[in-house]
C-alpha atoms as a PDB file:
ATOM      1  CA  UNK A   1     121.334  43.525-156.815  1.00  0.00           C
ATOM      2  CA  UNK A   2     121.565  44.035-153.144  1.00  0.00           C
ATOM      3  CA  UNK A   3     120.934  47.595-151.469  1.00  0.00           C
ATOM      4  CA  UNK A   4     117.873  50.248-152.170  1.00  0.00           C
ATOM      5  CA  UNK A   5     118.239  49.835-156.459  1.00  0.00           C
ATOM      6  CA  UNK A   6     116.056  46.977-157.863  1.00  0.00           C
ATOM      7  CA  UNK A   7     117.504  44.800-160.221  1.00  0.00           C
ATOM      8  CA  UNK A   8     115.313  46.107-163.199  1.00  0.00           C
ATOM      9  CA  UNK A   9     116.303  49.461-162.508  1.00  0.00           C
ATOM     10  CA  UNK A  10     120.233  48.198-162.034  1.00  0.00           C
ATOM     11  CA  UNK A  11     119.506  46.770-165.354  1.00  0.00           C
ATOM     12  CA  UNK A  12     118.714  49.419-167.442  1.00  0.00           C
ATOM     13  CA  UNK A  13     121.371  51.849-166.015  1.00  0.00           C
ATOM     14  CA  UNK A  14     123.326  48.894-166.963  1.00  0.00           C
ATOM     15  CA  UNK A  15     122.439  48.903-170.557  1.00  0.00           C
ATOM     16  CA  UNK A  16     122.488  52.472-170.811  1.00  0.00           C
ATOM     17  CA  UNK A  17     125.927  52.488-169.663  1.00  0.00           C
ATOM     18  CA  UNK A  18     127.196  49.716-171.847  1.00  0.00           C
ATOM     19  CA  UNK A  19     125.040  51.483-175.083  1.00  0.00           C
ATOM     20  CA  UNK A  20     126.753  55.030-174.334  1.00  0.00           C
ATOM     21  CA  UNK A  21     130.290  53.234-173.777  1.00  0.00           C
ATOM     22  CA  UNK A  22     130.090  51.147-177.121  1.00  0.00           C
ATOM     23  CA  UNK A  23     128.630  54.088-179.094  1.00  0.00           C
ATOM     24  CA  UNK A  24     131.595  56.624-177.768  1.00  0.00           C
ATOM     25  CA  UNK A  25     133.640  53.945-178.607  1.00  0.00           C
ATOM     26  CA  UNK A  26     131.846  53.246-182.016  1.00  0.00           C
ATOM     27  CA  UNK A  27     132.327  57.676-182.596  1.00  0.00           C
ATOM     28  CA  UNK A  28     136.429  57.517-180.990  1.00  0.00           C
ATOM     29  CA  UNK A  29     136.987  54.650-183.224  1.00  0.00           C
ATOM     30  CA  UNK A  30     135.603  56.370-186.757  1.00  0.00           C
ATOM     31  CA  UNK A  31     137.377  59.618-185.838  1.00  0.00           C
ATOM     32  CA  UNK A  32     138.842  61.839-183.486  1.00  0.00           C
ATOM     33  CA  UNK A  33     137.885  65.258-185.011  1.00  0.00           C
ATOM     34  CA  UNK A  34     135.925  67.913-182.781  1.00  0.00           C
ATOM     35  CA  UNK A  35     132.547  67.222-185.343  1.00  0.00           C
ATOM     36  CA  UNK A  36     132.606  63.927-184.893  1.00  0.00           C
ATOM     37  CA  UNK A  37     132.721  63.951-181.164  1.00  0.00           C
ATOM     38  CA  UNK A  38     130.726  67.399-180.363  1.00  0.00           C
ATOM     39  CA  UNK A  39     128.192  65.629-179.332  1.00  0.00           C
ATOM     40  CA  UNK A  40     128.791  62.283-178.384  1.00  0.00           C
ATOM     41  CA  UNK A  41     131.556  62.868-175.368  1.00  0.00           C
ATOM     42  CA  UNK A  42     129.924  65.550-173.749  1.00  0.00           C
ATOM     43  CA  UNK A  43     126.440  63.401-173.567  1.00  0.00           C
ATOM     44  CA  UNK A  44     128.777  60.145-172.639  1.00  0.00           C
ATOM     45  CA  UNK A  45     130.417  62.342-169.928  1.00  0.00           C
ATOM     46  CA  UNK A  46     126.817  63.552-168.776  1.00  0.00           C
ATOM     47  CA  UNK A  47     124.814  60.200-168.704  1.00  0.00           C
ATOM     48  CA  UNK A  48     128.028  58.579-166.587  1.00  0.00           C
ATOM     49  CA  UNK A  49     127.932  61.259-164.343  1.00  0.00           C
ATOM     50  CA  UNK A  50     123.981  61.007-163.746  1.00  0.00           C
ATOM     51  CA  UNK A  51     124.386  57.619-163.532  1.00  0.00           C
ATOM     52  CA  UNK A  52     126.944  57.825-160.850  1.00  0.00           C
ATOM     53  CA  UNK A  53     124.368  60.292-159.246  1.00  0.00           C
ATOM     54  CA  UNK A  54     121.426  57.694-159.286  1.00  0.00           C
ATOM     55  CA  UNK A  55     124.007  55.148-158.048  1.00  0.00           C
ATOM     56  CA  UNK A  56     124.962  57.089-154.847  1.00  0.00           C
ATOM     57  CA  UNK A  57     121.313  58.232-154.285  1.00  0.00           C
ATOM     58  CA  UNK A  58     119.523  55.144-154.638  1.00  0.00           C
ATOM     59  CA  UNK A  59     122.478  53.850-151.552  1.00  0.00           C
ATOM     60  CA  UNK A  60     122.171  56.514-149.711  1.00  0.00           C
ATOM     61  CA  UNK A  61     118.344  57.764-149.176  1.00  0.00           C
ATOM     62  CA  UNK A  62     116.117  55.292-147.516  1.00  0.00           C
ATOM     63  CA  UNK A  63     113.838  52.917-149.737  1.00  0.00           C
ATOM     64  CA  UNK A  64     111.071  54.427-151.175  1.00  0.00           C
ATOM     65  CA  UNK A  65     107.381  52.493-150.809  1.00  0.00           C
ATOM     66  CA  UNK A  66     106.481  49.858-153.610  1.00  0.00           C
ATOM     67  CA  UNK A  67     104.682  51.556-156.187  1.00  0.00           C
ATOM     68  CA  UNK A  68     101.349  49.744-157.885  1.00  0.00           C
ATOM     69  CA  UNK A  69     103.116  47.659-160.699  1.00  0.00           C
ATOM     70  CA  UNK A  70     100.359  47.665-162.869  1.00  0.00           C
ATOM     71  CA  UNK A  71     100.012  51.577-162.977  1.00  0.00           C
ATOM     72  CA  UNK A  72     103.837  51.835-163.199  1.00  0.00           C
ATOM     73  CA  UNK A  73     103.947  49.532-166.246  1.00  0.00           C
ATOM     74  CA  UNK A  74     101.212  51.280-168.136  1.00  0.00           C
ATOM     75  CA  UNK A  75     102.824  54.238-167.214  1.00  0.00           C
ATOM     76  CA  UNK A  76     105.778  53.525-168.877  1.00  0.00           C
ATOM     77  CA  UNK A  77     104.455  51.962-171.856  1.00  0.00           C
ATOM     78  CA  UNK A  78     102.508  55.143-172.236  1.00  0.00           C
ATOM     79  CA  UNK A  79     105.858  57.210-172.084  1.00  0.00           C
ATOM     80  CA  UNK A  80     107.914  54.648-174.825  1.00  0.00           C
ATOM     81  CA  UNK A  81     104.703  55.278-176.620  1.00  0.00           C
ATOM     82  CA  UNK A  82     104.986  58.840-176.792  1.00  0.00           C
ATOM     83  CA  UNK A  83     108.833  58.943-177.184  1.00  0.00           C
ATOM     84  CA  UNK A  84     107.965  56.462-180.343  1.00  0.00           C
ATOM     85  CA  UNK A  85     105.582  59.292-181.515  1.00  0.00           C
ATOM     86  CA  UNK A  86     108.003  62.177-180.852  1.00  0.00           C
ATOM     87  CA  UNK A  87     110.718  60.327-183.289  1.00  0.00           C
ATOM     88  CA  UNK A  88     108.287  59.982-185.635  1.00  0.00           C
ATOM     89  CA  UNK A  89     107.096  63.446-185.758  1.00  0.00           C
ATOM     90  CA  UNK A  90     110.549  64.837-186.126  1.00  0.00           C
ATOM     91  CA  UNK A  91     110.391  64.280-189.462  1.00  0.00           C
ATOM     92  CA  UNK A  92     106.971  65.091-190.443  1.00  0.00           C
ATOM     93  CA  UNK A  93     105.983  68.099-188.194  1.00  0.00           C
ATOM     94  CA  UNK A  94     109.553  69.387-187.143  1.00  0.00           C
ATOM     95  CA  UNK A  95     112.062  69.563-184.538  1.00  0.00           C
ATOM     96  CA  UNK A  96     110.498  72.445-182.912  1.00  0.00           C
ATOM     97  CA  UNK A  97     106.840  71.773-182.541  1.00  0.00           C
ATOM     98  CA  UNK A  98     107.614  67.772-181.652  1.00  0.00           C
ATOM     99  CA  UNK A  99     109.807  68.422-178.628  1.00  0.00           C
ATOM    100  CA  UNK A 100     107.507  70.870-177.628  1.00  0.00           C
ATOM    101  CA  UNK A 101     104.409  68.538-177.622  1.00  0.00           C
ATOM    102  CA  UNK A 102     106.670  65.948-175.710  1.00  0.00           C
ATOM    103  CA  UNK A 103     108.055  67.817-173.221  1.00  0.00           C
ATOM    104  CA  UNK A 104     104.648  69.649-172.618  1.00  0.00           C
ATOM    105  CA  UNK A 105     102.997  65.814-172.269  1.00  0.00           C
ATOM    106  CA  UNK A 106     106.397  64.434-170.101  1.00  0.00           C
ATOM    107  CA  UNK A 107     105.904  67.125-167.606  1.00  0.00           C
ATOM    108  CA  UNK A 108     101.790  66.868-167.042  1.00  0.00           C
ATOM    109  CA  UNK A 109     102.831  63.103-166.873  1.00  0.00           C
ATOM    110  CA  UNK A 110     105.059  63.509-164.023  1.00  0.00           C
ATOM    111  CA  UNK A 111     102.739  65.662-161.998  1.00  0.00           C
ATOM    112  CA  UNK A 112     103.062  69.431-163.403  1.00  0.00           C
ATOM    113  CA  UNK A 113     100.132  71.376-162.516  1.00  0.00           C
ATOM    114  CA  UNK A 114      98.920  74.628-163.776  1.00  0.00           C
ATOM    115  CA  UNK A 115      97.354  75.940-166.353  1.00  0.00           C
ATOM    116  CA  UNK A 116     100.520  77.953-167.668  1.00  0.00           C
ATOM    117  CA  UNK A 117     103.206  76.758-166.175  1.00  0.00           C
ATOM    118  CA  UNK A 118     103.776  73.462-168.404  1.00  0.00           C
ATOM    119  CA  UNK A 119     103.683  75.004-171.618  1.00  0.00           C
ATOM    120  CA  UNK A 120     105.747  77.938-170.595  1.00  0.00           C
ATOM    121  CA  UNK A 121     108.609  75.197-169.272  1.00  0.00           C
ATOM    122  CA  UNK A 122     108.020  73.469-172.690  1.00  0.00           C
ATOM    123  CA  UNK A 123     108.111  76.259-174.835  1.00  0.00           C
ATOM    124  CA  UNK A 124     111.966  77.783-173.375  1.00  0.00           C
ATOM    125  CA  UNK A 125     113.006  74.208-173.128  1.00  0.00           C
ATOM    126  CA  UNK A 126     112.463  73.569-176.930  1.00  0.00           C
ATOM    127  CA  UNK A 127     113.801  77.247-177.791  1.00  0.00           C
ATOM    128  CA  UNK A 128     116.826  76.159-176.009  1.00  0.00           C
ATOM    129  CA  UNK A 129     117.360  73.376-177.324  1.00  0.00           C
ATOM    130  CA  UNK A 130     116.756  74.190-180.912  1.00  0.00           C
ATOM    131  CA  UNK A 131     118.828  76.855-180.868  1.00  0.00           C
ATOM    132  CA  UNK A 132     121.408  74.787-179.254  1.00  0.00           C
ATOM    133  CA  UNK A 133     121.599  71.889-181.672  1.00  0.00           C
ATOM    134  CA  UNK A 134     121.430  74.882-184.289  1.00  0.00           C
ATOM    135  CA  UNK A 135     124.466  76.112-183.290  1.00  0.00           C
ATOM    136  CA  UNK A 136     126.206  72.671-182.907  1.00  0.00           C
ATOM    137  CA  UNK A 137     125.271  71.092-186.031  1.00  0.00           C
ATOM    138  CA  UNK A 138     126.517  71.735-189.439  1.00  0.00           C
ATOM    139  CA  UNK A 139     123.158  71.166-191.373  1.00  0.00           C
ATOM    140  CA  UNK A 140     119.671  72.554-191.066  1.00  0.00           C
ATOM    141  CA  UNK A 141     117.056  70.831-188.746  1.00  0.00           C
ATOM    142  CA  UNK A 142     113.834  70.432-190.183  1.00  0.00           C
ATOM    143  CA  UNK A 143     111.124  72.896-188.143  1.00  0.00           C
ATOM    144  CA  UNK A 144     107.599  74.319-188.445  1.00  0.00           C
ATOM    145  CA  UNK A 145     108.256  77.671-186.258  1.00  0.00           C
ATOM    146  CA  UNK A 146     111.608  78.451-184.855  1.00  0.00           C
END
């Protein structure tokens, strides 16, 4: 792709937007009730807005230096493996503990430093997420602590 957005990133953004569009279309086709669309439509709007922000920022900012491809691939594989483990842990140890550990690991992988900041952020994020989703969904979620 021309500009400052690399072809793999543009392809990934296109795949995300296409899947979001398909899921939203499928949900709208199934039922237009509020219970069916309470999560799907706001998330689709958020993804569209964030995609626009990414595109705007990519073409507005200077081109960053190219990262080391080998470390980038291993970092991506590590994050993908962590997400797969997170998805598995959701049904075995609970949404709250799995989210806390996944977010903490993600913050540390992203360069979060300090002894207390990453777990505090993870705990607050997990609390908001569990309580928010608990209020949205009409059925109980498997949790261990909250």
